[in-house]
PDB file of all heavy atoms in Angstrom:
ATOM      1  N   ILE A   1      -3.196   2.448  -0.424  1.00  0.00           N
ATOM      2  CA  ILE A   1      -2.205   1.612  -1.101  1.00  0.00           C
ATOM      3  C   ILE A   1      -1.808   2.348  -2.377  1.00  0.00           C
ATOM      4  O   ILE A   1      -2.663   2.769  -3.155  1.00  0.00           O
ATOM      5  CB  ILE A   1      -2.778   0.216  -1.414  1.00  0.00           C
ATOM      6  CG1 ILE A   1      -3.158  -0.491  -0.105  1.00  0.00           C
ATOM      7  CG2 ILE A   1      -1.783  -0.606  -2.223  1.00  0.00           C
ATOM      8  CD1 ILE A   1      -3.983  -1.739  -0.289  1.00  0.00           C
ATOM      9  N   ARG A   2      -0.536   2.518  -2.549  1.00  0.00           N
ATOM     10  CA  ARG A   2      -0.039   3.260  -3.707  1.00  0.00           C
ATOM     11  C   ARG A   2       0.115   2.333  -4.908  1.00  0.00           C
ATOM     12  O   ARG A   2       0.537   1.190  -4.764  1.00  0.00           O
ATOM     13  CB  ARG A   2       1.287   3.915  -3.362  1.00  0.00           C
ATOM     14  CG  ARG A   2       1.124   4.936  -2.252  1.00  0.00           C
ATOM     15  CD  ARG A   2       2.419   5.571  -1.876  1.00  0.00           C
ATOM     16  NE  ARG A   2       2.193   6.483  -0.751  1.00  0.00           N
ATOM     17  CZ  ARG A   2       3.116   6.836   0.097  1.00  0.00           C
ATOM     18  NH1 ARG A   2       4.348   6.390  -0.028  1.00  0.00           N
ATOM     19  NH2 ARG A   2       2.843   7.663   1.090  1.00  0.00           N
ATOM     20  N   LEU A   3      -0.225   2.848  -6.069  1.00  0.00           N
ATOM     21  CA  LEU A   3      -0.100   2.092  -7.316  1.00  0.00           C
ATOM     22  C   LEU A   3       1.048   2.658  -8.136  1.00  0.00           C
ATOM     23  O   LEU A   3       1.198   3.876  -8.248  1.00  0.00           O
ATOM     24  CB  LEU A   3      -1.391   2.190  -8.135  1.00  0.00           C
ATOM     25  CG  LEU A   3      -2.626   1.548  -7.526  1.00  0.00           C
ATOM     26  CD1 LEU A   3      -3.844   1.851  -8.383  1.00  0.00           C
ATOM     27  CD2 LEU A   3      -2.439   0.051  -7.385  1.00  0.00           C
ATOM     28  N   TYR A   4       1.836   1.761  -8.694  1.00  0.00           N
ATOM     29  CA  TYR A   4       2.969   2.145  -9.531  1.00  0.00           C
ATOM     30  C   TYR A   4       2.928   1.325 -10.814  1.00  0.00           C
ATOM     31  O   TYR A   4       2.735   0.114 -10.757  1.00  0.00           O
ATOM     32  CB  TYR A   4       4.299   1.881  -8.818  1.00  0.00           C
ATOM     33  CG  TYR A   4       4.416   2.577  -7.486  1.00  0.00           C
ATOM     34  CD1 TYR A   4       4.032   1.947  -6.310  1.00  0.00           C
ATOM     35  CD2 TYR A   4       4.912   3.878  -7.412  1.00  0.00           C
ATOM     36  CE1 TYR A   4       4.137   2.589  -5.085  1.00  0.00           C
ATOM     37  CE2 TYR A   4       5.026   4.530  -6.185  1.00  0.00           C
ATOM     38  CZ  TYR A   4       4.634   3.879  -5.030  1.00  0.00           C
ATOM     39  OH  TYR A   4       4.743   4.510  -3.819  1.00  0.00           O
ATOM     40  N   ASN A   5       3.112   1.982 -11.949  1.00  0.00           N
ATOM     41  CA  ASN A   5       3.109   1.271 -13.217  1.00  0.00           C
ATOM     42  C   ASN A   5       4.546   1.083 -13.693  1.00  0.00           C
ATOM     43  O   ASN A   5       5.311   2.040 -13.779  1.00  0.00           O
ATOM     44  CB  ASN A   5       2.300   2.045 -14.262  1.00  0.00           C
ATOM     45  CG  ASN A   5       1.968   1.188 -15.459  1.00  0.00           C
ATOM     46  OD1 ASN A   5       2.618   0.190 -15.732  1.00  0.00           O
ATOM     47  ND2 ASN A   5       0.939   1.590 -16.178  1.00  0.00           N
ATOM     48  N   LEU A   6       4.893  -0.154 -13.994  1.00  0.00           N
ATOM     49  CA  LEU A   6       6.233  -0.499 -14.461  1.00  0.00           C
ATOM     50  C   LEU A   6       6.343  -0.463 -15.984  1.00  0.00           C
ATOM     51  O   LEU A   6       7.386  -0.815 -16.533  1.00  0.00           O
ATOM     52  CB  LEU A   6       6.613  -1.900 -13.962  1.00  0.00           C
ATOM     53  CG  LEU A   6       6.690  -2.067 -12.448  1.00  0.00           C
ATOM     54  CD1 LEU A   6       6.867  -3.531 -12.088  1.00  0.00           C
ATOM     55  CD2 LEU A   6       7.815  -1.227 -11.881  1.00  0.00           C
ATOM     56  N   LYS A   7       5.286  -0.037 -16.666  1.00  0.00           N
ATOM     57  CA  LYS A   7       5.285  -0.002 -18.126  1.00  0.00           C
ATOM     58  C   LYS A   7       6.480   0.815 -18.630  1.00  0.00           C
ATOM     59  O   LYS A   7       6.753   1.902 -18.136  1.00  0.00           O
ATOM     60  CB  LYS A   7       3.985   0.618 -18.622  1.00  0.00           C
ATOM     61  CG  LYS A   7       3.843   0.651 -20.114  1.00  0.00           C
ATOM     62  CD  LYS A   7       2.505   1.206 -20.525  1.00  0.00           C
ATOM     63  CE  LYS A   7       2.377   1.142 -22.031  1.00  0.00           C
ATOM     64  NZ  LYS A   7       1.014   1.311 -22.452  1.00  0.00           N
ATOM     65  N   GLY A   8       7.154   0.233 -19.596  1.00  0.00           N
ATOM     66  CA  GLY A   8       8.270   0.930 -20.194  1.00  0.00           C
ATOM     67  C   GLY A   8       9.552   0.905 -19.383  1.00  0.00           C
ATOM     68  O   GLY A   8      10.523   1.567 -19.729  1.00  0.00           O
ATOM     69  N   THR A   9       9.578   0.151 -18.292  1.00  0.00           N
ATOM     70  CA  THR A   9      10.794   0.044 -17.483  1.00  0.00           C
ATOM     71  C   THR A   9      11.538  -1.234 -17.848  1.00  0.00           C
ATOM     72  O   THR A   9      11.090  -2.020 -18.686  1.00  0.00           O
ATOM     73  CB  THR A   9      10.474   0.025 -15.970  1.00  0.00           C
ATOM     74  OG1 THR A   9       9.794  -1.195 -15.655  1.00  0.00           O
ATOM     75  CG2 THR A   9       9.613   1.216 -15.574  1.00  0.00           C
ATOM     76  N   GLU A  10      12.644  -1.463 -17.186  1.00  0.00           N
ATOM     77  CA  GLU A  10      13.408  -2.690 -17.443  1.00  0.00           C
ATOM     78  C   GLU A  10      12.745  -3.931 -16.850  1.00  0.00           C
ATOM     79  O   GLU A  10      13.185  -5.044 -17.083  1.00  0.00           O
ATOM     80  CB  GLU A  10      14.851  -2.555 -16.918  1.00  0.00           C
ATOM     81  CG  GLU A  10      14.966  -2.466 -15.416  1.00  0.00           C
ATOM     82  CD  GLU A  10      14.898  -1.047 -14.847  1.00  0.00           C
ATOM     83  OE1 GLU A  10      14.422  -0.125 -15.516  1.00  0.00           O
ATOM     84  OE2 GLU A  10      15.328  -0.880 -13.710  1.00  0.00           O
ATOM     85  N   TYR A  11      11.656  -3.763 -16.106  1.00  0.00           N
ATOM     86  CA  TYR A  11      10.972  -4.890 -15.460  1.00  0.00           C
ATOM     87  C   TYR A  11       9.889  -5.454 -16.367  1.00  0.00           C
ATOM     88  O   TYR A  11       8.725  -5.563 -16.005  1.00  0.00           O
ATOM     89  CB  TYR A  11      10.392  -4.458 -14.117  1.00  0.00           C
ATOM     90  CG  TYR A  11      11.442  -3.914 -13.182  1.00  0.00           C
ATOM     91  CD1 TYR A  11      11.541  -2.551 -12.943  1.00  0.00           C
ATOM     92  CD2 TYR A  11      12.342  -4.764 -12.573  1.00  0.00           C
ATOM     93  CE1 TYR A  11      12.520  -2.047 -12.098  1.00  0.00           C
ATOM     94  CE2 TYR A  11      13.333  -4.278 -11.737  1.00  0.00           C
ATOM     95  CZ  TYR A  11      13.406  -2.916 -11.503  1.00  0.00           C
ATOM     96  OH  TYR A  11      14.379  -2.425 -10.681  1.00  0.00           O
ATOM     97  N   LYS A  12      10.264  -5.843 -17.560  1.00  0.00           N
ATOM     98  CA  LYS A  12       9.321  -6.310 -18.574  1.00  0.00           C
ATOM     99  C   LYS A  12       8.663  -7.644 -18.222  1.00  0.00           C
ATOM    100  O   LYS A  12       7.554  -7.918 -18.657  1.00  0.00           O
ATOM    101  CB  LYS A  12      10.023  -6.423 -19.921  1.00  0.00           C
ATOM    102  CG  LYS A  12      10.476  -5.094 -20.480  1.00  0.00           C
ATOM    103  CD  LYS A  12      11.233  -5.273 -21.768  1.00  0.00           C
ATOM    104  CE  LYS A  12      11.810  -4.032 -22.376  1.00  0.00           C
ATOM    105  NZ  LYS A  12      11.682  -2.782 -21.748  1.00  0.00           N
ATOM    106  N   ASN A  13       9.329  -8.475 -17.438  1.00  0.00           N
ATOM    107  CA  ASN A  13       8.805  -9.810 -17.127  1.00  0.00           C
ATOM    108  C   ASN A  13       7.876  -9.821 -15.915  1.00  0.00           C
ATOM    109  O   ASN A  13       7.282 -10.844 -15.611  1.00  0.00           O
ATOM    110  CB  ASN A  13       9.956 -10.797 -16.906  1.00  0.00           C
ATOM    111  CG  ASN A  13      10.760 -10.999 -18.164  1.00  0.00           C
ATOM    112  OD1 ASN A  13      10.233 -10.915 -19.269  1.00  0.00           O
ATOM    113  ND2 ASN A  13      12.041 -11.254 -18.018  1.00  0.00           N
ATOM    114  N   ILE A  14       7.767  -8.717 -15.231  1.00  0.00           N
ATOM    115  CA  ILE A  14       6.923  -8.657 -14.040  1.00  0.00           C
ATOM    116  C   ILE A  14       5.525  -8.213 -14.438  1.00  0.00           C
ATOM    117  O   ILE A  14       5.347  -7.220 -15.141  1.00  0.00           O
ATOM    118  CB  ILE A  14       7.511  -7.680 -12.998  1.00  0.00           C
ATOM    119  CG1 ILE A  14       8.838  -8.223 -12.472  1.00  0.00           C
ATOM    120  CG2 ILE A  14       6.520  -7.436 -11.865  1.00  0.00           C
ATOM    121  CD1 ILE A  14       9.547  -7.297 -11.511  1.00  0.00           C
ATOM    122  N   THR A  15       4.529  -8.969 -13.998  1.00  0.00           N
ATOM    123  CA  THR A  15       3.140  -8.546 -14.205  1.00  0.00           C
ATOM    124  C   THR A  15       2.707  -7.684 -13.039  1.00  0.00           C
ATOM    125  O   THR A  15       2.149  -6.610 -13.232  1.00  0.00           O
ATOM    126  CB  THR A  15       2.209  -9.764 -14.355  1.00  0.00           C
ATOM    127  OG1 THR A  15       2.639 -10.511 -15.494  1.00  0.00           O
ATOM    128  CG2 THR A  15       0.767  -9.331 -14.548  1.00  0.00           C
ATOM    129  N   ALA A  16       2.958  -8.155 -11.813  1.00  0.00           N
ATOM    130  CA  ALA A  16       2.597  -7.375 -10.631  1.00  0.00           C
ATOM    131  C   ALA A  16       3.351  -7.887  -9.420  1.00  0.00           C
ATOM    132  O   ALA A  16       3.761  -9.042  -9.367  1.00  0.00           O
ATOM    133  CB  ALA A  16       1.098  -7.446 -10.378  1.00  0.00           C
ATOM    134  N   ALA A  17       3.497  -6.999  -8.450  1.00  0.00           N
ATOM    135  CA  ALA A  17       4.127  -7.348  -7.170  1.00  0.00           C
ATOM    136  C   ALA A  17       3.663  -6.339  -6.127  1.00  0.00           C
ATOM    137  O   ALA A  17       3.355  -5.198  -6.455  1.00  0.00           O
ATOM    138  CB  ALA A  17       5.644  -7.316  -7.292  1.00  0.00           C
ATOM    139  N   SER A  18       3.614  -6.787  -4.893  1.00  0.00           N
ATOM    140  CA  SER A  18       3.258  -5.907  -3.780  1.00  0.00           C
ATOM    141  C   SER A  18       4.448  -5.771  -2.856  1.00  0.00           C
ATOM    142  O   SER A  18       5.209  -6.727  -2.668  1.00  0.00           O
ATOM    143  CB  SER A  18       2.101  -6.495  -2.973  1.00  0.00           C
ATOM    144  OG  SER A  18       0.969  -6.627  -3.782  1.00  0.00           O
ATOM    145  N   ILE A  19       4.579  -4.598  -2.279  1.00  0.00           N
ATOM    146  CA  ILE A  19       5.643  -4.377  -1.305  1.00  0.00           C
ATOM    147  C   ILE A  19       5.087  -3.634  -0.103  1.00  0.00           C
ATOM    148  O   ILE A  19       4.050  -2.976  -0.186  1.00  0.00           O
ATOM    149  CB  ILE A  19       6.828  -3.575  -1.896  1.00  0.00           C
ATOM    150  CG1 ILE A  19       6.371  -2.166  -2.298  1.00  0.00           C
ATOM    151  CG2 ILE A  19       7.468  -4.297  -3.058  1.00  0.00           C
ATOM    152  CD1 ILE A  19       7.496  -1.172  -2.357  1.00  0.00           C
ATOM    153  N   PHE A  20       5.793  -3.772   1.006  1.00  0.00           N
ATOM    154  CA  PHE A  20       5.504  -2.985   2.201  1.00  0.00           C
ATOM    155  C   PHE A  20       6.824  -2.360   2.620  1.00  0.00           C
ATOM    156  O   PHE A  20       7.792  -3.054   2.906  1.00  0.00           O
ATOM    157  CB  PHE A  20       4.957  -3.856   3.332  1.00  0.00           C
ATOM    158  CG  PHE A  20       4.667  -3.078   4.581  1.00  0.00           C
ATOM    159  CD1 PHE A  20       3.548  -2.264   4.662  1.00  0.00           C
ATOM    160  CD2 PHE A  20       5.519  -3.142   5.664  1.00  0.00           C
ATOM    161  CE1 PHE A  20       3.274  -1.534   5.810  1.00  0.00           C
ATOM    162  CE2 PHE A  20       5.258  -2.414   6.826  1.00  0.00           C
ATOM    163  CZ  PHE A  20       4.135  -1.603   6.895  1.00  0.00           C
ATOM    164  N   THR A  21       6.855  -1.038   2.603  1.00  0.00           N
ATOM    165  CA  THR A  21       8.055  -0.333   3.010  1.00  0.00           C
ATOM    166  C   THR A  21       7.677   1.050   3.513  1.00  0.00           C
ATOM    167  O   THR A  21       6.699   1.640   3.051  1.00  0.00           O
ATOM    168  CB  THR A  21       9.085  -0.234   1.854  1.00  0.00           C
ATOM    169  OG1 THR A  21      10.296   0.331   2.349  1.00  0.00           O
ATOM    170  CG2 THR A  21       8.571   0.578   0.698  1.00  0.00           C
ATOM    171  N   LEU A  22       8.419   1.524   4.480  1.00  0.00           N
ATOM    172  CA  LEU A  22       8.163   2.849   5.067  1.00  0.00           C
ATOM    173  C   LEU A  22       6.708   2.994   5.512  1.00  0.00           C
ATOM    174  O   LEU A  22       6.075   4.027   5.316  1.00  0.00           O
ATOM    175  CB  LEU A  22       8.538   3.956   4.074  1.00  0.00           C
ATOM    176  CG  LEU A  22       9.987   3.954   3.590  1.00  0.00           C
ATOM    177  CD1 LEU A  22      10.180   4.980   2.494  1.00  0.00           C
ATOM    178  CD2 LEU A  22      10.950   4.174   4.738  1.00  0.00           C
ATOM    179  N   ASN A  23       6.177   1.920   6.094  1.00  0.00           N
ATOM    180  CA  ASN A  23       4.809   1.884   6.625  1.00  0.00           C
ATOM    181  C   ASN A  23       3.726   2.100   5.575  1.00  0.00           C
ATOM    182  O   ASN A  23       2.633   2.575   5.891  1.00  0.00           O
ATOM    183  CB  ASN A  23       4.643   2.884   7.774  1.00  0.00           C
ATOM    184  CG  ASN A  23       5.482   2.505   8.964  1.00  0.00           C
ATOM    185  OD1 ASN A  23       5.584   1.327   9.306  1.00  0.00           O
ATOM    186  ND2 ASN A  23       6.115   3.478   9.584  1.00  0.00           N
ATOM    187  N   HIS A  24       4.007   1.760   4.335  1.00  0.00           N
ATOM    188  CA  HIS A  24       3.016   1.851   3.275  1.00  0.00           C
ATOM    189  C   HIS A  24       3.088   0.615   2.388  1.00  0.00           C
ATOM    190  O   HIS A  24       4.164   0.061   2.172  1.00  0.00           O
ATOM    191  CB  HIS A  24       3.257   3.083   2.393  1.00  0.00           C
ATOM    192  CG  HIS A  24       2.812   4.349   3.018  1.00  0.00           C
ATOM    193  ND1 HIS A  24       3.633   5.139   3.779  1.00  0.00           N
ATOM    194  CD2 HIS A  24       1.604   4.959   3.007  1.00  0.00           C
ATOM    195  CE1 HIS A  24       2.960   6.186   4.215  1.00  0.00           C
ATOM    196  NE2 HIS A  24       1.737   6.108   3.761  1.00  0.00           N
TER     197      HIS A  24
END
């Protein structure tokens, strides 16, 4: 499972989210 940090992006209100795309 890949981890991505949204720190410093425009997604300031998101704490966390999971996605499934391209079989990952």
